[in-house]
Amino acid sequence: KEHTARWFYLRGSLRADLQDLAGAIRDFETAFSVWPTPTNMAIKPLQDLYRKAGDTRALQAFDERVERLRPPRR
């Protein structure tokens, strides 16, 4: 799963560099969906793209998904 997620991460990075924000968001989302772990490398760039796009609802929903994966705090 990690290798598949990395492939989508790389494709998302390329699309982001080419200013294809919608495509980059889709690929980063796919990378996270394939390997849903708080250590997924697609989290930070996806959060940045949601901020850049001004999509606060999507950012909040994504942050909640990531937070649910983190171990409980003591």
N, C-alpha and C. Protein backbone atom coordinates (compact mmCIF):
# COMPACT_ATOMS: atom_id res chain seq x y z
N LYS A 1 0.81 -1.19 0.00
CA LYS A 1 0.00 0.00 0.00
C LYS A 1 0.86 1.26 0.00
N GLU A 2 1.95 1.20 0.76
CA GLU A 2 2.80 2.39 0.84
C GLU A 2 3.38 2.75 -0.54
N HIS A 3 3.75 1.76 -1.32
CA HIS A 3 4.32 2.04 -2.65
C HIS A 3 3.27 2.64 -3.59
N THR A 4 2.05 2.14 -3.51
CA THR A 4 0.98 2.70 -4.33
C THR A 4 0.69 4.14 -3.91
N ALA A 5 0.66 4.37 -2.60
CA ALA A 5 0.43 5.73 -2.09
C ALA A 5 1.55 6.66 -2.55
N ARG A 6 2.77 6.18 -2.54
CA ARG A 6 3.90 7.00 -2.97
C ARG A 6 3.77 7.37 -4.45
N TRP A 7 3.27 6.44 -5.27
CA TRP A 7 3.08 6.73 -6.69
C TRP A 7 2.09 7.88 -6.88
N PHE A 8 0.97 7.81 -6.15
CA PHE A 8 -0.02 8.89 -6.25
C PHE A 8 0.52 10.19 -5.67
N TYR A 9 1.34 10.08 -4.63
CA TYR A 9 1.97 11.27 -4.05
C TYR A 9 2.87 11.95 -5.10
N LEU A 10 3.69 11.16 -5.77
CA LEU A 10 4.58 11.72 -6.79
C LEU A 10 3.79 12.34 -7.93
N ARG A 11 2.73 11.68 -8.36
CA ARG A 11 1.91 12.23 -9.43
C ARG A 11 1.23 13.52 -8.97
N GLY A 12 0.76 13.54 -7.72
CA GLY A 12 0.16 14.75 -7.18
C GLY A 12 1.16 15.89 -7.11
N SER A 13 2.39 15.58 -6.73
CA SER A 13 3.44 16.60 -6.68
C SER A 13 3.70 17.18 -8.07
N LEU A 14 3.77 16.31 -9.05
CA LEU A 14 3.97 16.77 -10.43
C LEU A 14 2.82 17.67 -10.87
N ARG A 15 1.61 17.24 -10.59
CA ARG A 15 0.45 18.06 -10.99
C ARG A 15 0.44 19.40 -10.28
N ALA A 16 0.81 19.40 -9.00
CA ALA A 16 0.87 20.66 -8.26
C ALA A 16 1.91 21.59 -8.89
N ASP A 17 3.06 21.04 -9.28
CA ASP A 17 4.10 21.84 -9.94
C ASP A 17 3.61 22.41 -11.27
N LEU A 18 2.72 21.67 -11.93
CA LEU A 18 2.16 22.13 -13.20
C LEU A 18 0.92 23.00 -13.03
N GLN A 19 0.63 23.35 -11.77
CA GLN A 19 -0.52 24.20 -11.42
C GLN A 19 -1.87 23.54 -11.69
N ASP A 20 -1.91 22.22 -11.76
CA ASP A 20 -3.16 21.47 -11.88
C ASP A 20 -3.61 21.13 -10.46
N LEU A 21 -4.19 22.14 -9.78
CA LEU A 21 -4.53 21.98 -8.37
C LEU A 21 -5.60 20.92 -8.14
N ALA A 22 -6.61 20.89 -9.00
CA ALA A 22 -7.67 19.89 -8.83
C ALA A 22 -7.11 18.48 -8.99
N GLY A 23 -6.27 18.28 -9.99
CA GLY A 23 -5.66 16.98 -10.20
C GLY A 23 -4.73 16.59 -9.07
N ALA A 24 -3.97 17.57 -8.56
CA ALA A 24 -3.06 17.31 -7.45
C ALA A 24 -3.85 16.91 -6.20
N ILE A 25 -4.93 17.61 -5.93
CA ILE A 25 -5.76 17.29 -4.76
C ILE A 25 -6.30 15.87 -4.89
N ARG A 26 -6.79 15.52 -6.07
CA ARG A 26 -7.31 14.16 -6.29
C ARG A 26 -6.24 13.11 -6.03
N ASP A 27 -5.04 13.35 -6.55
CA ASP A 27 -3.97 12.37 -6.38
C ASP A 27 -3.51 12.28 -4.92
N PHE A 28 -3.40 13.40 -4.24
CA PHE A 28 -3.01 13.36 -2.83
C PHE A 28 -4.09 12.69 -1.99
N GLU A 29 -5.35 12.95 -2.32
CA GLU A 29 -6.45 12.27 -1.62
C GLU A 29 -6.37 10.76 -1.85
N THR A 30 -6.09 10.37 -3.08
CA THR A 30 -5.97 8.95 -3.39
C THR A 30 -4.80 8.34 -2.62
N ALA A 31 -3.68 9.05 -2.58
CA ALA A 31 -2.52 8.56 -1.83
C ALA A 31 -2.87 8.33 -0.37
N PHE A 32 -3.64 9.23 0.20
CA PHE A 32 -4.03 9.08 1.60
C PHE A 32 -5.05 7.96 1.77
N SER A 33 -5.97 7.83 0.83
CA SER A 33 -7.00 6.78 0.92
C SER A 33 -6.40 5.38 0.79
N VAL A 34 -5.39 5.25 -0.06
CA VAL A 34 -4.75 3.96 -0.26
C VAL A 34 -3.98 3.53 0.99
N TRP A 35 -3.35 4.51 1.65
CA TRP A 35 -2.53 4.21 2.83
C TRP A 35 -2.87 5.21 3.93
N PRO A 36 -4.02 5.02 4.60
CA PRO A 36 -4.49 5.98 5.60
C PRO A 36 -3.73 5.84 6.94
N THR A 37 -2.65 6.56 7.03
CA THR A 37 -1.84 6.57 8.23
C THR A 37 -1.39 8.00 8.51
N PRO A 38 -1.22 8.36 9.78
CA PRO A 38 -0.80 9.73 10.08
C PRO A 38 0.61 10.06 9.59
N THR A 39 1.35 9.06 9.13
CA THR A 39 2.69 9.31 8.61
C THR A 39 2.72 9.40 7.08
N ASN A 40 1.56 9.40 6.45
CA ASN A 40 1.48 9.48 4.99
C ASN A 40 2.06 10.81 4.53
N MET A 41 2.94 10.75 3.54
CA MET A 41 3.62 11.95 3.05
C MET A 41 2.70 12.90 2.29
N ALA A 42 1.50 12.48 1.95
CA ALA A 42 0.58 13.33 1.19
C ALA A 42 -0.22 14.29 2.08
N ILE A 43 -0.16 14.11 3.38
CA ILE A 43 -0.99 14.93 4.28
C ILE A 43 -0.65 16.40 4.17
N LYS A 44 0.60 16.76 4.34
CA LYS A 44 1.00 18.17 4.36
C LYS A 44 0.71 18.87 3.04
N PRO A 45 1.11 18.30 1.90
CA PRO A 45 0.80 19.02 0.65
C PRO A 45 -0.70 19.12 0.38
N LEU A 46 -1.46 18.12 0.82
CA LEU A 46 -2.90 18.19 0.62
C LEU A 46 -3.50 19.30 1.47
N GLN A 47 -3.06 19.41 2.71
CA GLN A 47 -3.54 20.50 3.56
C GLN A 47 -3.17 21.85 2.95
N ASP A 48 -1.95 21.97 2.45
CA ASP A 48 -1.52 23.22 1.81
C ASP A 48 -2.37 23.57 0.59
N LEU A 49 -2.70 22.56 -0.21
CA LEU A 49 -3.53 22.83 -1.40
C LEU A 49 -4.94 23.24 -1.03
N TYR A 50 -5.51 22.60 -0.01
CA TYR A 50 -6.84 23.02 0.44
C TYR A 50 -6.81 24.47 0.94
N ARG A 51 -5.74 24.84 1.65
CA ARG A 51 -5.61 26.23 2.10
C ARG A 51 -5.49 27.17 0.91
N LYS A 52 -4.64 26.79 -0.04
CA LYS A 52 -4.42 27.62 -1.24
C LYS A 52 -5.72 27.80 -2.02
N ALA A 53 -6.52 26.74 -2.09
CA ALA A 53 -7.79 26.81 -2.81
C ALA A 53 -8.87 27.52 -2.00
N GLY A 54 -8.61 27.75 -0.71
CA GLY A 54 -9.60 28.40 0.14
C GLY A 54 -10.75 27.48 0.51
N ASP A 55 -10.53 26.19 0.43
CA ASP A 55 -11.58 25.20 0.71
C ASP A 55 -11.49 24.78 2.18
N THR A 56 -12.02 25.62 3.05
CA THR A 56 -11.91 25.37 4.49
C THR A 56 -12.72 24.15 4.93
N ARG A 57 -13.83 23.90 4.28
CA ARG A 57 -14.63 22.71 4.63
C ARG A 57 -13.87 21.42 4.34
N ALA A 58 -13.27 21.35 3.17
CA ALA A 58 -12.50 20.16 2.81
C ALA A 58 -11.29 20.00 3.72
N LEU A 59 -10.65 21.12 4.05
CA LEU A 59 -9.49 21.07 4.95
C LEU A 59 -9.91 20.57 6.33
N GLN A 60 -10.99 21.08 6.84
CA GLN A 60 -11.47 20.65 8.15
C GLN A 60 -11.85 19.16 8.14
N ALA A 61 -12.55 18.73 7.12
CA ALA A 61 -12.95 17.33 7.03
C ALA A 61 -11.72 16.42 6.92
N PHE A 62 -10.74 16.85 6.15
CA PHE A 62 -9.53 16.06 6.02
C PHE A 62 -8.76 16.00 7.34
N ASP A 63 -8.64 17.14 8.00
CA ASP A 63 -7.95 17.17 9.30
C ASP A 63 -8.62 16.25 10.31
N GLU A 64 -9.94 16.19 10.26
CA GLU A 64 -10.67 15.29 11.17
C GLU A 64 -10.38 13.83 10.84
N ARG A 65 -10.29 13.51 9.56
CA ARG A 65 -9.96 12.13 9.16
C ARG A 65 -8.57 11.74 9.65
N VAL A 66 -7.63 12.66 9.51
CA VAL A 66 -6.26 12.38 9.95
C VAL A 66 -6.23 12.23 11.47
N GLU A 67 -6.92 13.10 12.16
CA GLU A 67 -6.92 13.07 13.63
C GLU A 67 -7.49 11.76 14.17
N ARG A 68 -8.49 11.21 13.51
CA ARG A 68 -9.07 9.94 13.95
C ARG A 68 -8.08 8.78 13.86
N LEU A 69 -7.08 8.92 13.02
CA LEU A 69 -6.07 7.87 12.87
C LEU A 69 -4.97 7.95 13.92
N ARG A 70 -4.83 9.09 14.55
CA ARG A 70 -3.77 9.26 15.55
C ARG A 70 -4.13 8.50 16.82
N PRO A 71 -3.13 7.97 17.51
CA PRO A 71 -3.42 7.26 18.78
C PRO A 71 -3.95 8.26 19.82
N PRO A 72 -4.79 7.80 20.72
CA PRO A 72 -5.34 8.68 21.74
C PRO A 72 -4.23 9.31 22.60
N ARG A 73 -4.45 10.55 22.95
CA ARG A 73 -3.48 11.24 23.81
C ARG A 73 -3.78 10.92 25.26
N ARG A 74 -2.74 10.84 26.05
CA ARG A 74 -2.92 10.54 27.47
C ARG A 74 -2.97 11.77 28.31
